[in-house]
Each structure stands twice: as structure tokens, then as C-alpha cells.
């Protein structure tokens, strides 16, 4: 998890436009039937509008990679490589194995060739 934290910090500082394109989608929402709009490490306390899953949002946009990393607790070795969401508002539920790692990789593959060169 520490490598992804350092990578996110580097992207936030050197490529803020790319920072906005990673972990801001809906493709990894899984079975989360809530309406998450923000990231959080706490999936127990009325977390219906929060998720710990990269690109597990209800609608695209509004979040960024660096926020995801900080808010879900990656610096504290939480929610990596597998994300979680809150089922029925207060039941922490793990997503499929390696779901956060796969979601970050999926978002990175969607970058333009020029953007991929920047983050390489």
C-alpha cells in the first residue's frame, strides 16, 4: 500500500489533471446499492453516501485519486488492495478481492498516451 500512496502524492503534485481522472468513476461500484459521492475509511457509521472503493461512486466526477488515497486510509494500510462499501448504510462489506487495485489500473488504462507517459 505504501507504493500506491507515494504514487498518488506524485500524481497530485505533478499532474493534477490526471489526479482528477483516477478513482472518480462508477465502474467499480459492485453490489453497492447506496449512492456514494465521497470516500471514507469508516464503513460503519451511516456511510450510505460514502465508499472505500476506487471508482465506486454513484455518479462520475467530483473526486480524485489523491483524495481517495487519503480518505480511505491507504497511508494506514486500510482498504488496499481490496475496497469496501457500506451495505444498507451501516454494514461494512468487502468488494471482490483486489478491487481497488483493479479499479486504479482500469482508470490508468483510460488515460491518453501522453498522460500515461507522464505517470510512467
C-alpha atoms as a PDB file:
ATOM      1  CA  UNK A   1       0.000   0.000   0.000  1.00  0.00           C
ATOM      2  CA  UNK A   2       2.865   2.413   0.630  1.00  0.00           C
ATOM      3  CA  UNK A   3       3.876   2.437  -3.060  1.00  0.00           C
ATOM      4  CA  UNK A   4       0.400   3.472  -4.181  1.00  0.00           C
ATOM      5  CA  UNK A   5       0.372   6.236  -1.555  1.00  0.00           C
ATOM      6  CA  UNK A   6       3.667   7.633  -2.890  1.00  0.00           C
ATOM      7  CA  UNK A   7       2.417   7.301  -6.473  1.00  0.00           C
ATOM      8  CA  UNK A   8      -0.771   9.224  -5.621  1.00  0.00           C
ATOM      9  CA  UNK A   9       1.238  12.007  -3.973  1.00  0.00           C
ATOM     10  CA  UNK A  10       3.451  12.304  -7.063  1.00  0.00           C
ATOM     11  CA  UNK A  11       0.427  12.432  -9.383  1.00  0.00           C
ATOM     12  CA  UNK A  12      -1.308  15.033  -7.192  1.00  0.00           C
ATOM     13  CA  UNK A  13       1.734  17.322  -7.293  1.00  0.00           C
ATOM     14  CA  UNK A  14       2.996  16.818 -10.834  1.00  0.00           C
ATOM     15  CA  UNK A  15      -0.185  16.065 -12.796  1.00  0.00           C
ATOM     16  CA  UNK A  16      -3.350  17.471 -11.171  1.00  0.00           C
ATOM     17  CA  UNK A  17      -5.371  16.873 -14.357  1.00  0.00           C
ATOM     18  CA  UNK A  18      -4.534  13.173 -14.200  1.00  0.00           C
ATOM     19  CA  UNK A  19      -5.329  13.142 -10.466  1.00  0.00           C
ATOM     20  CA  UNK A  20      -8.911  14.081 -11.411  1.00  0.00           C
ATOM     21  CA  UNK A  21      -9.213  11.153 -13.853  1.00  0.00           C
ATOM     22  CA  UNK A  22      -8.391   8.287 -11.477  1.00  0.00           C
ATOM     23  CA  UNK A  23     -10.853   6.961  -8.866  1.00  0.00           C
ATOM     24  CA  UNK A  24     -13.628   9.308  -9.945  1.00  0.00           C
ATOM     25  CA  UNK A  25     -15.893   6.899 -11.810  1.00  0.00           C
ATOM     26  CA  UNK A  26     -18.675   4.374 -11.308  1.00  0.00           C
ATOM     27  CA  UNK A  27     -17.307   1.233 -12.982  1.00  0.00           C
ATOM     28  CA  UNK A  28     -16.244  -0.490  -9.718  1.00  0.00           C
ATOM     29  CA  UNK A  29     -19.368   0.128  -7.642  1.00  0.00           C
ATOM     30  CA  UNK A  30     -20.076  -3.599  -7.444  1.00  0.00           C
ATOM     31  CA  UNK A  31     -23.148  -4.530  -5.427  1.00  0.00           C
ATOM     32  CA  UNK A  32     -23.201  -1.245  -3.520  1.00  0.00           C
ATOM     33  CA  UNK A  33     -26.866  -0.189  -3.742  1.00  0.00           C
ATOM     34  CA  UNK A  34     -26.307   3.102  -1.893  1.00  0.00           C
ATOM     35  CA  UNK A  35     -25.461   6.429  -3.525  1.00  0.00           C
ATOM     36  CA  UNK A  36     -21.814   7.082  -2.592  1.00  0.00           C
ATOM     37  CA  UNK A  37     -20.500  10.509  -3.520  1.00  0.00           C
ATOM     38  CA  UNK A  38     -17.366  10.575  -1.341  1.00  0.00           C
ATOM     39  CA  UNK A  39     -14.639   8.334   0.045  1.00  0.00           C
ATOM     40  CA  UNK A  40     -14.229   7.286   3.674  1.00  0.00           C
ATOM     41  CA  UNK A  41     -12.325   4.676   5.672  1.00  0.00           C
ATOM     42  CA  UNK A  42     -15.284   4.268   8.055  1.00  0.00           C
ATOM     43  CA  UNK A  43     -17.914   1.979   6.582  1.00  0.00           C
ATOM     44  CA  UNK A  44     -19.852   1.556   9.844  1.00  0.00           C
ATOM     45  CA  UNK A  45     -21.267   4.949  10.781  1.00  0.00           C
ATOM     46  CA  UNK A  46     -24.147   5.908   8.458  1.00  0.00           C
ATOM     47  CA  UNK A  47     -21.980   5.556   5.392  1.00  0.00           C
ATOM     48  CA  UNK A  48     -24.722   5.464   2.756  1.00  0.00           C
ATOM     49  CA  UNK A  49     -23.085   8.268   0.790  1.00  0.00           C
ATOM     50  CA  UNK A  50     -19.516   7.023   1.331  1.00  0.00           C
ATOM     51  CA  UNK A  51     -17.383   4.226  -0.111  1.00  0.00           C
ATOM     52  CA  UNK A  52     -13.867   2.835   0.250  1.00  0.00           C
ATOM     53  CA  UNK A  53     -13.884   1.590  -3.335  1.00  0.00           C
ATOM     54  CA  UNK A  54     -11.935   3.415  -6.069  1.00  0.00           C
ATOM     55  CA  UNK A  55     -14.385   4.407  -8.823  1.00  0.00           C
ATOM     56  CA  UNK A  56     -17.239   3.046  -6.721  1.00  0.00           C
ATOM     57  CA  UNK A  57     -19.156   6.310  -6.858  1.00  0.00           C
ATOM     58  CA  UNK A  58     -22.812   6.786  -7.722  1.00  0.00           C
ATOM     59  CA  UNK A  59     -22.000   9.353 -10.430  1.00  0.00           C
ATOM     60  CA  UNK A  60     -18.734  10.105 -12.234  1.00  0.00           C
ATOM     61  CA  UNK A  61     -16.606  13.114 -11.344  1.00  0.00           C
ATOM     62  CA  UNK A  62     -16.278  15.087  -8.167  1.00  0.00           C
ATOM     63  CA  UNK A  63     -13.484  13.016  -6.621  1.00  0.00           C
ATOM     64  CA  UNK A  64      -9.806  12.429  -7.377  1.00  0.00           C
ATOM     65  CA  UNK A  65      -7.072   9.858  -6.863  1.00  0.00           C
ATOM     66  CA  UNK A  66      -5.225  11.723  -4.104  1.00  0.00           C
ATOM     67  CA  UNK A  67      -8.456  12.219  -2.139  1.00  0.00           C
ATOM     68  CA  UNK A  68      -9.326   8.541  -2.483  1.00  0.00           C
ATOM     69  CA  UNK A  69      -5.909   7.519  -1.127  1.00  0.00           C
ATOM     70  CA  UNK A  70      -6.138   9.857   1.885  1.00  0.00           C
ATOM     71  CA  UNK A  71      -9.829   9.424   2.683  1.00  0.00           C
ATOM     72  CA  UNK A  72      -9.987   5.606   2.648  1.00  0.00           C
ATOM     73  CA  UNK A  73      -6.904   5.247   4.836  1.00  0.00           C
ATOM     74  CA  UNK A  74      -4.339   3.849   2.415  1.00  0.00           C
ATOM     75  CA  UNK A  75      -1.477   5.518   4.352  1.00  0.00           C
ATOM     76  CA  UNK A  76      -2.639   3.421   7.344  1.00  0.00           C
ATOM     77  CA  UNK A  77      -2.772   0.212   5.262  1.00  0.00           C
ATOM     78  CA  UNK A  78      -6.580   0.200   5.086  1.00  0.00           C
ATOM     79  CA  UNK A  79      -8.676  -0.791   2.057  1.00  0.00           C
ATOM     80  CA  UNK A  80      -5.762  -1.841  -0.191  1.00  0.00           C
ATOM     81  CA  UNK A  81      -5.730  -3.776  -2.429  1.00  0.00           C
ATOM     82  CA  UNK A  82      -9.384  -4.619  -1.722  1.00  0.00           C
ATOM     83  CA  UNK A  83     -12.060  -1.960  -1.270  1.00  0.00           C
ATOM     84  CA  UNK A  84     -15.202  -1.929   0.843  1.00  0.00           C
ATOM     85  CA  UNK A  85     -18.594  -0.303   0.845  1.00  0.00           C
ATOM     86  CA  UNK A  86     -21.407   0.052   3.330  1.00  0.00           C
ATOM     87  CA  UNK A  87     -24.281  -2.317   2.652  1.00  0.00           C
ATOM     88  CA  UNK A  88     -27.642  -0.989   3.854  1.00  0.00           C
ATOM     89  CA  UNK A  89     -25.973   2.071   5.331  1.00  0.00           C
ATOM     90  CA  UNK A  90     -24.029   0.517   8.177  1.00  0.00           C
ATOM     91  CA  UNK A  91     -22.789  -2.979   7.335  1.00  0.00           C
ATOM     92  CA  UNK A  92     -19.173  -2.923   6.093  1.00  0.00           C
ATOM     93  CA  UNK A  93     -18.904  -5.199   3.058  1.00  0.00           C
ATOM     94  CA  UNK A  94     -15.711  -6.121   1.236  1.00  0.00           C
ATOM     95  CA  UNK A  95     -15.753  -5.868  -2.520  1.00  0.00           C
ATOM     96  CA  UNK A  96     -14.182  -8.576  -4.704  1.00  0.00           C
ATOM     97  CA  UNK A  97     -10.531  -9.344  -3.965  1.00  0.00           C
ATOM     98  CA  UNK A  98      -8.072  -6.709  -5.261  1.00  0.00           C
ATOM     99  CA  UNK A  99     -10.982  -4.477  -6.318  1.00  0.00           C
ATOM    100  CA  UNK A 100      -9.182  -1.203  -5.539  1.00  0.00           C
ATOM    101  CA  UNK A 101      -6.003  -2.284  -7.322  1.00  0.00           C
ATOM    102  CA  UNK A 102      -8.047  -3.335 -10.371  1.00  0.00           C
ATOM    103  CA  UNK A 103     -10.052  -0.093 -10.381  1.00  0.00           C
ATOM    104  CA  UNK A 104      -6.897   2.071 -10.250  1.00  0.00           C
ATOM    105  CA  UNK A 105      -5.385   0.008 -13.078  1.00  0.00           C
ATOM    106  CA  UNK A 106      -8.579   0.329 -15.140  1.00  0.00           C
ATOM    107  CA  UNK A 107      -8.624   4.099 -14.691  1.00  0.00           C
ATOM    108  CA  UNK A 108      -4.934   4.372 -15.635  1.00  0.00           C
ATOM    109  CA  UNK A 109      -5.515   2.413 -18.859  1.00  0.00           C
ATOM    110  CA  UNK A 110      -8.107   5.023 -19.894  1.00  0.00           C
ATOM    111  CA  UNK A 111      -5.512   7.830 -19.876  1.00  0.00           C
ATOM    112  CA  UNK A 112      -4.227   9.223 -23.161  1.00  0.00           C
ATOM    113  CA  UNK A 113      -0.800   8.041 -24.379  1.00  0.00           C
ATOM    114  CA  UNK A 114       0.648  11.403 -23.327  1.00  0.00           C
ATOM    115  CA  UNK A 115      -0.853  11.113 -19.838  1.00  0.00           C
ATOM    116  CA  UNK A 116       0.454   7.557 -19.493  1.00  0.00           C
ATOM    117  CA  UNK A 117       3.949   8.836 -20.292  1.00  0.00           C
ATOM    118  CA  UNK A 118       3.632  11.447 -17.536  1.00  0.00           C
ATOM    119  CA  UNK A 119       2.675   8.909 -14.865  1.00  0.00           C
ATOM    120  CA  UNK A 120       5.141   6.242 -16.010  1.00  0.00           C
END
